[in-house]
Amino acid sequence: MHVHDIHVSLNGRDTWSGRLAVPDSLGMDGPVATLAEARQRARRALHEHPGASVRVLLHAGRHALRAPLEFDPQDSGPVSYEAAGDGPVLLDGGVEVGGWTEDIVNGRRAWIAD
């Protein structure tokens, strides 16, 4: 069974192949940038190569999810999502809150943001 590796990195681009763990020296190919793109490529690999398995390798860093990452029946099959082993991986679906101000609310110190 052939294994397809798809690399996801903070310094990747979704226009790249995802076959390389780091960008090449010419900046022409390297890892993809988002988990959503890796999921699409995993789906394509499973469709084009029946019986193959796919590993999505997440490289170190905080991977921000801009929308929920949804899986459905076309994602079933031998697919794994794994840390690449080059440092901690964080999947973050939160929204950063900024513009904090300190105030007194009901006689107590409070931090408030819009």
N, C-alpha and C. Protein backbone atom coordinates (compact mmCIF):
# COMPACT_ATOMS: atom_id res chain seq x y z
N MET A 1 0.84 -1.17 0.00
CA MET A 1 0.00 0.00 0.00
C MET A 1 0.89 1.24 0.00
N HIS A 2 0.72 2.10 -0.98
CA HIS A 2 1.52 3.30 -1.12
C HIS A 2 1.07 4.37 -0.14
N VAL A 3 2.00 5.04 0.50
CA VAL A 3 1.68 6.09 1.45
C VAL A 3 1.98 7.44 0.82
N HIS A 4 0.99 8.33 0.85
CA HIS A 4 1.16 9.70 0.38
C HIS A 4 1.33 10.59 1.60
N ASP A 5 2.42 11.33 1.67
CA ASP A 5 2.62 12.29 2.75
C ASP A 5 2.25 13.67 2.25
N ILE A 6 1.50 14.40 3.05
CA ILE A 6 1.15 15.78 2.75
C ILE A 6 1.62 16.61 3.94
N HIS A 7 2.56 17.52 3.69
CA HIS A 7 3.12 18.35 4.74
C HIS A 7 2.36 19.67 4.85
N VAL A 8 2.10 20.08 6.09
CA VAL A 8 1.43 21.35 6.37
C VAL A 8 2.35 22.16 7.29
N SER A 9 2.68 23.38 6.87
CA SER A 9 3.61 24.20 7.64
C SER A 9 3.20 25.66 7.62
N LEU A 10 3.58 26.37 8.66
CA LEU A 10 3.27 27.79 8.74
C LEU A 10 3.95 28.58 7.62
N ASN A 11 5.05 28.06 7.08
CA ASN A 11 5.72 28.76 5.98
C ASN A 11 5.37 28.14 4.62
N GLY A 12 4.27 27.40 4.57
CA GLY A 12 3.83 26.78 3.33
C GLY A 12 2.93 27.70 2.51
N ARG A 13 2.54 27.20 1.36
CA ARG A 13 1.60 27.89 0.47
C ARG A 13 0.64 26.84 -0.08
N ASP A 14 -0.62 27.18 -0.12
CA ASP A 14 -1.61 26.22 -0.62
C ASP A 14 -1.48 25.97 -2.12
N THR A 15 -0.66 26.72 -2.81
CA THR A 15 -0.41 26.47 -4.24
C THR A 15 0.72 25.47 -4.44
N TRP A 16 1.45 25.13 -3.39
CA TRP A 16 2.54 24.17 -3.49
C TRP A 16 2.00 22.75 -3.37
N SER A 17 2.85 21.78 -3.68
CA SER A 17 2.42 20.38 -3.74
C SER A 17 2.14 19.75 -2.38
N GLY A 18 2.82 20.19 -1.33
CA GLY A 18 2.70 19.56 -0.04
C GLY A 18 3.58 18.34 0.13
N ARG A 19 4.33 17.98 -0.91
CA ARG A 19 5.19 16.79 -0.83
C ARG A 19 6.48 17.04 -0.06
N LEU A 20 6.88 18.30 0.07
CA LEU A 20 8.13 18.64 0.75
C LEU A 20 7.85 19.17 2.14
N ALA A 21 8.73 18.84 3.08
CA ALA A 21 8.56 19.30 4.47
C ALA A 21 8.92 20.77 4.61
N VAL A 22 9.84 21.25 3.80
CA VAL A 22 10.27 22.66 3.83
C VAL A 22 10.27 23.18 2.39
N PRO A 23 10.14 24.50 2.23
CA PRO A 23 10.18 25.06 0.87
C PRO A 23 11.52 24.75 0.19
N ASP A 24 11.46 24.53 -1.12
CA ASP A 24 12.71 24.29 -1.85
C ASP A 24 13.50 25.59 -1.96
N SER A 25 14.74 25.48 -2.38
CA SER A 25 15.64 26.64 -2.40
C SER A 25 15.19 27.73 -3.38
N LEU A 26 14.37 27.39 -4.36
CA LEU A 26 13.88 28.37 -5.33
C LEU A 26 12.54 28.97 -4.94
N GLY A 27 11.94 28.44 -3.88
CA GLY A 27 10.63 28.93 -3.46
C GLY A 27 9.52 28.55 -4.43
N MET A 28 9.71 27.44 -5.13
CA MET A 28 8.74 27.00 -6.14
C MET A 28 7.84 25.88 -5.63
N ASP A 29 8.24 25.19 -4.57
CA ASP A 29 7.46 24.08 -4.05
C ASP A 29 7.77 23.91 -2.57
N GLY A 30 6.87 23.26 -1.87
CA GLY A 30 7.05 23.02 -0.46
C GLY A 30 5.77 22.54 0.17
N PRO A 31 5.63 22.73 1.47
CA PRO A 31 4.42 22.27 2.18
C PRO A 31 3.23 23.17 1.86
N VAL A 32 2.04 22.65 2.09
CA VAL A 32 0.84 23.49 1.99
C VAL A 32 0.73 24.29 3.29
N ALA A 33 -0.12 25.31 3.27
CA ALA A 33 -0.23 26.22 4.41
C ALA A 33 -1.38 25.89 5.36
N THR A 34 -2.41 25.23 4.86
CA THR A 34 -3.60 25.05 5.70
C THR A 34 -4.04 23.60 5.79
N LEU A 35 -4.67 23.30 6.90
CA LEU A 35 -5.22 21.97 7.11
C LEU A 35 -6.36 21.69 6.13
N ALA A 36 -7.13 22.72 5.79
CA ALA A 36 -8.22 22.54 4.83
C ALA A 36 -7.68 22.12 3.46
N GLU A 37 -6.58 22.70 3.03
CA GLU A 37 -5.98 22.31 1.75
C GLU A 37 -5.42 20.89 1.84
N ALA A 38 -4.80 20.55 2.96
CA ALA A 38 -4.29 19.19 3.13
C ALA A 38 -5.43 18.18 3.06
N ARG A 39 -6.57 18.51 3.67
CA ARG A 39 -7.73 17.60 3.62
C ARG A 39 -8.18 17.41 2.17
N GLN A 40 -8.22 18.48 1.38
CA GLN A 40 -8.61 18.37 -0.03
C GLN A 40 -7.63 17.48 -0.80
N ARG A 41 -6.36 17.64 -0.54
CA ARG A 41 -5.35 16.83 -1.23
C ARG A 41 -5.42 15.37 -0.79
N ALA A 42 -5.73 15.13 0.48
CA ALA A 42 -5.90 13.75 0.96
C ALA A 42 -7.09 13.11 0.25
N ARG A 43 -8.19 13.85 0.11
CA ARG A 43 -9.36 13.34 -0.60
C ARG A 43 -8.99 12.97 -2.04
N ARG A 44 -8.26 13.84 -2.70
CA ARG A 44 -7.87 13.60 -4.09
C ARG A 44 -6.96 12.38 -4.19
N ALA A 45 -6.01 12.25 -3.26
CA ALA A 45 -5.10 11.10 -3.29
C ALA A 45 -5.86 9.80 -3.10
N LEU A 46 -6.83 9.77 -2.17
CA LEU A 46 -7.62 8.55 -1.95
C LEU A 46 -8.46 8.20 -3.18
N HIS A 47 -8.96 9.23 -3.86
CA HIS A 47 -9.77 9.00 -5.05
C HIS A 47 -8.91 8.51 -6.22
N GLU A 48 -7.75 9.12 -6.40
CA GLU A 48 -6.89 8.79 -7.54
C GLU A 48 -6.08 7.52 -7.34
N HIS A 49 -5.86 7.12 -6.10
CA HIS A 49 -5.04 5.95 -5.79
C HIS A 49 -5.78 5.04 -4.80
N PRO A 50 -6.80 4.33 -5.26
CA PRO A 50 -7.55 3.44 -4.35
C PRO A 50 -6.60 2.47 -3.66
N GLY A 51 -6.82 2.27 -2.39
CA GLY A 51 -5.98 1.37 -1.61
C GLY A 51 -4.77 2.04 -0.99
N ALA A 52 -4.49 3.28 -1.39
CA ALA A 52 -3.35 3.99 -0.82
C ALA A 52 -3.71 4.53 0.55
N SER A 53 -2.70 4.87 1.32
CA SER A 53 -2.93 5.54 2.59
C SER A 53 -2.31 6.93 2.53
N VAL A 54 -2.82 7.82 3.35
CA VAL A 54 -2.37 9.21 3.35
C VAL A 54 -2.01 9.60 4.78
N ARG A 55 -0.87 10.28 4.90
CA ARG A 55 -0.48 10.88 6.18
C ARG A 55 -0.40 12.38 5.98
N VAL A 56 -1.13 13.12 6.80
CA VAL A 56 -1.03 14.57 6.82
C VAL A 56 -0.13 14.91 8.00
N LEU A 57 1.02 15.50 7.69
CA LEU A 57 2.04 15.78 8.71
C LEU A 57 2.04 17.27 9.03
N LEU A 58 1.64 17.59 10.26
CA LEU A 58 1.58 18.98 10.71
C LEU A 58 2.91 19.36 11.35
N HIS A 59 3.54 20.39 10.80
CA HIS A 59 4.82 20.85 11.33
C HIS A 59 4.58 21.84 12.46
N ALA A 60 5.60 22.05 13.27
CA ALA A 60 5.51 22.82 14.50
C ALA A 60 4.88 24.20 14.29
N GLY A 61 4.08 24.60 15.27
CA GLY A 61 3.53 25.95 15.28
C GLY A 61 2.05 25.97 15.59
N ARG A 62 1.52 27.19 15.60
CA ARG A 62 0.09 27.44 15.86
C ARG A 62 -0.62 27.53 14.53
N HIS A 63 -1.40 26.51 14.21
CA HIS A 63 -2.15 26.46 12.96
C HIS A 63 -3.55 27.01 13.21
N ALA A 64 -3.81 28.20 12.70
CA ALA A 64 -5.10 28.85 12.92
C ALA A 64 -6.13 28.28 11.94
N LEU A 65 -7.26 27.87 12.46
CA LEU A 65 -8.37 27.39 11.63
C LEU A 65 -9.32 28.56 11.43
N ARG A 66 -9.49 29.01 10.19
CA ARG A 66 -10.34 30.15 9.88
C ARG A 66 -11.82 29.76 9.84
N ALA A 67 -12.08 28.47 9.70
CA ALA A 67 -13.45 27.94 9.66
C ALA A 67 -13.39 26.53 10.23
N PRO A 68 -14.53 25.99 10.65
CA PRO A 68 -14.52 24.60 11.14
C PRO A 68 -13.97 23.65 10.08
N LEU A 69 -13.20 22.69 10.52
CA LEU A 69 -12.67 21.66 9.62
C LEU A 69 -13.61 20.47 9.71
N GLU A 70 -14.36 20.25 8.66
CA GLU A 70 -15.37 19.20 8.66
C GLU A 70 -14.92 18.00 7.84
N PHE A 71 -15.23 16.83 8.36
CA PHE A 71 -14.93 15.58 7.67
C PHE A 71 -16.24 14.90 7.33
N ASP A 72 -16.28 14.23 6.18
CA ASP A 72 -17.47 13.50 5.77
C ASP A 72 -17.05 12.17 5.16
N PRO A 73 -17.99 11.39 4.61
CA PRO A 73 -17.64 10.05 4.12
C PRO A 73 -16.47 10.01 3.13
N GLN A 74 -16.29 11.05 2.33
CA GLN A 74 -15.17 11.01 1.38
C GLN A 74 -13.81 11.10 2.08
N ASP A 75 -13.82 11.44 3.37
CA ASP A 75 -12.58 11.49 4.14
C ASP A 75 -12.26 10.16 4.81
N SER A 76 -13.18 9.18 4.67
CA SER A 76 -12.90 7.89 5.29
C SER A 76 -11.87 7.15 4.47
N GLY A 77 -11.19 6.31 5.10
CA GLY A 77 -10.11 5.58 4.45
C GLY A 77 -8.88 5.67 5.32
N PRO A 78 -7.81 5.12 4.85
CA PRO A 78 -6.59 5.14 5.66
C PRO A 78 -5.90 6.51 5.59
N VAL A 79 -6.41 7.45 6.40
CA VAL A 79 -5.84 8.80 6.50
C VAL A 79 -5.50 9.07 7.96
N SER A 80 -4.30 9.57 8.20
CA SER A 80 -3.94 9.97 9.56
C SER A 80 -3.47 11.41 9.54
N TYR A 81 -3.75 12.10 10.60
CA TYR A 81 -3.28 13.47 10.82
C TYR A 81 -2.34 13.40 12.01
N GLU A 82 -1.07 13.76 11.78
CA GLU A 82 -0.04 13.55 12.80
C GLU A 82 0.85 14.77 12.92
N ALA A 83 1.43 14.95 14.12
CA ALA A 83 2.49 15.93 14.28
C ALA A 83 3.73 15.40 13.56
N ALA A 84 4.43 16.28 12.86
CA ALA A 84 5.60 15.86 12.09
C ALA A 84 6.79 15.53 12.99
N GLY A 85 6.76 15.96 14.24
CA GLY A 85 7.84 15.62 15.17
C GLY A 85 8.91 16.68 15.28
N ASP A 86 8.69 17.85 14.68
CA ASP A 86 9.71 18.90 14.74
C ASP A 86 9.37 19.99 15.75
N GLY A 87 8.44 19.72 16.66
CA GLY A 87 8.07 20.66 17.71
C GLY A 87 6.58 20.57 17.98
N PRO A 88 6.12 21.31 18.98
CA PRO A 88 4.70 21.27 19.35
C PRO A 88 3.80 21.81 18.23
N VAL A 89 2.64 21.19 18.09
CA VAL A 89 1.63 21.60 17.11
C VAL A 89 0.38 22.02 17.88
N LEU A 90 -0.15 23.18 17.54
CA LEU A 90 -1.38 23.66 18.16
C LEU A 90 -2.38 23.98 17.05
N LEU A 91 -3.56 23.37 17.12
CA LEU A 91 -4.66 23.71 16.23
C LEU A 91 -5.53 24.70 16.99
N ASP A 92 -5.67 25.90 16.46
CA ASP A 92 -6.35 26.97 17.16
C ASP A 92 -7.52 27.48 16.34
N GLY A 93 -8.73 27.26 16.85
CA GLY A 93 -9.93 27.73 16.17
C GLY A 93 -10.53 28.94 16.84
N GLY A 94 -9.82 29.51 17.79
CA GLY A 94 -10.34 30.66 18.51
C GLY A 94 -10.15 31.96 17.74
N VAL A 95 -10.79 32.99 18.25
CA VAL A 95 -10.67 34.32 17.68
C VAL A 95 -9.93 35.18 18.68
N GLU A 96 -8.88 35.86 18.24
CA GLU A 96 -8.12 36.71 19.14
C GLU A 96 -8.94 37.95 19.47
N VAL A 97 -9.00 38.25 20.75
CA VAL A 97 -9.73 39.43 21.22
C VAL A 97 -8.70 40.48 21.60
N GLY A 98 -8.85 41.67 21.05
CA GLY A 98 -7.92 42.76 21.34
C GLY A 98 -8.66 43.98 21.83
N GLY A 99 -7.94 45.06 22.03
CA GLY A 99 -8.54 46.30 22.45
C GLY A 99 -9.00 46.31 23.89
N TRP A 100 -8.29 45.60 24.75
CA TRP A 100 -8.66 45.50 26.15
C TRP A 100 -8.43 46.84 26.86
N THR A 101 -9.37 47.20 27.74
CA THR A 101 -9.21 48.37 28.60
C THR A 101 -9.56 47.97 30.03
N GLU A 102 -8.89 48.64 30.95
CA GLU A 102 -9.16 48.36 32.37
C GLU A 102 -10.22 49.34 32.85
N ASP A 103 -11.14 48.85 33.67
CA ASP A 103 -12.22 49.69 34.18
C ASP A 103 -12.64 49.15 35.56
N ILE A 104 -13.50 49.91 36.20
CA ILE A 104 -14.08 49.47 37.47
C ILE A 104 -15.55 49.16 37.20
N VAL A 105 -15.95 47.92 37.47
CA VAL A 105 -17.32 47.48 37.26
C VAL A 105 -17.85 46.95 38.59
N ASN A 106 -18.96 47.55 39.07
CA ASN A 106 -19.55 47.14 40.35
C ASN A 106 -18.51 47.15 41.48
N GLY A 107 -17.66 48.17 41.44
CA GLY A 107 -16.66 48.33 42.49
C GLY A 107 -15.46 47.41 42.37
N ARG A 108 -15.36 46.68 41.28
CA ARG A 108 -14.23 45.76 41.10
C ARG A 108 -13.48 46.09 39.83
N ARG A 109 -12.19 45.83 39.88
CA ARG A 109 -11.34 46.02 38.70
C ARG A 109 -11.71 44.97 37.65
N ALA A 110 -11.86 45.41 36.39
CA ALA A 110 -12.24 44.49 35.31
C ALA A 110 -11.53 44.89 34.03
N TRP A 111 -11.30 43.91 33.19
CA TRP A 111 -10.77 44.15 31.85
C TRP A 111 -11.92 43.95 30.87
N ILE A 112 -12.09 44.89 29.96
CA ILE A 112 -13.24 44.89 29.04
C ILE A 112 -12.73 45.02 27.61
N ALA A 113 -13.36 44.27 26.70
CA ALA A 113 -13.05 44.38 25.26
C ALA A 113 -14.36 44.35 24.50
N ASP A 114 -14.38 45.06 23.38
CA ASP A 114 -15.59 45.05 22.52
C ASP A 114 -15.72 43.73 21.82
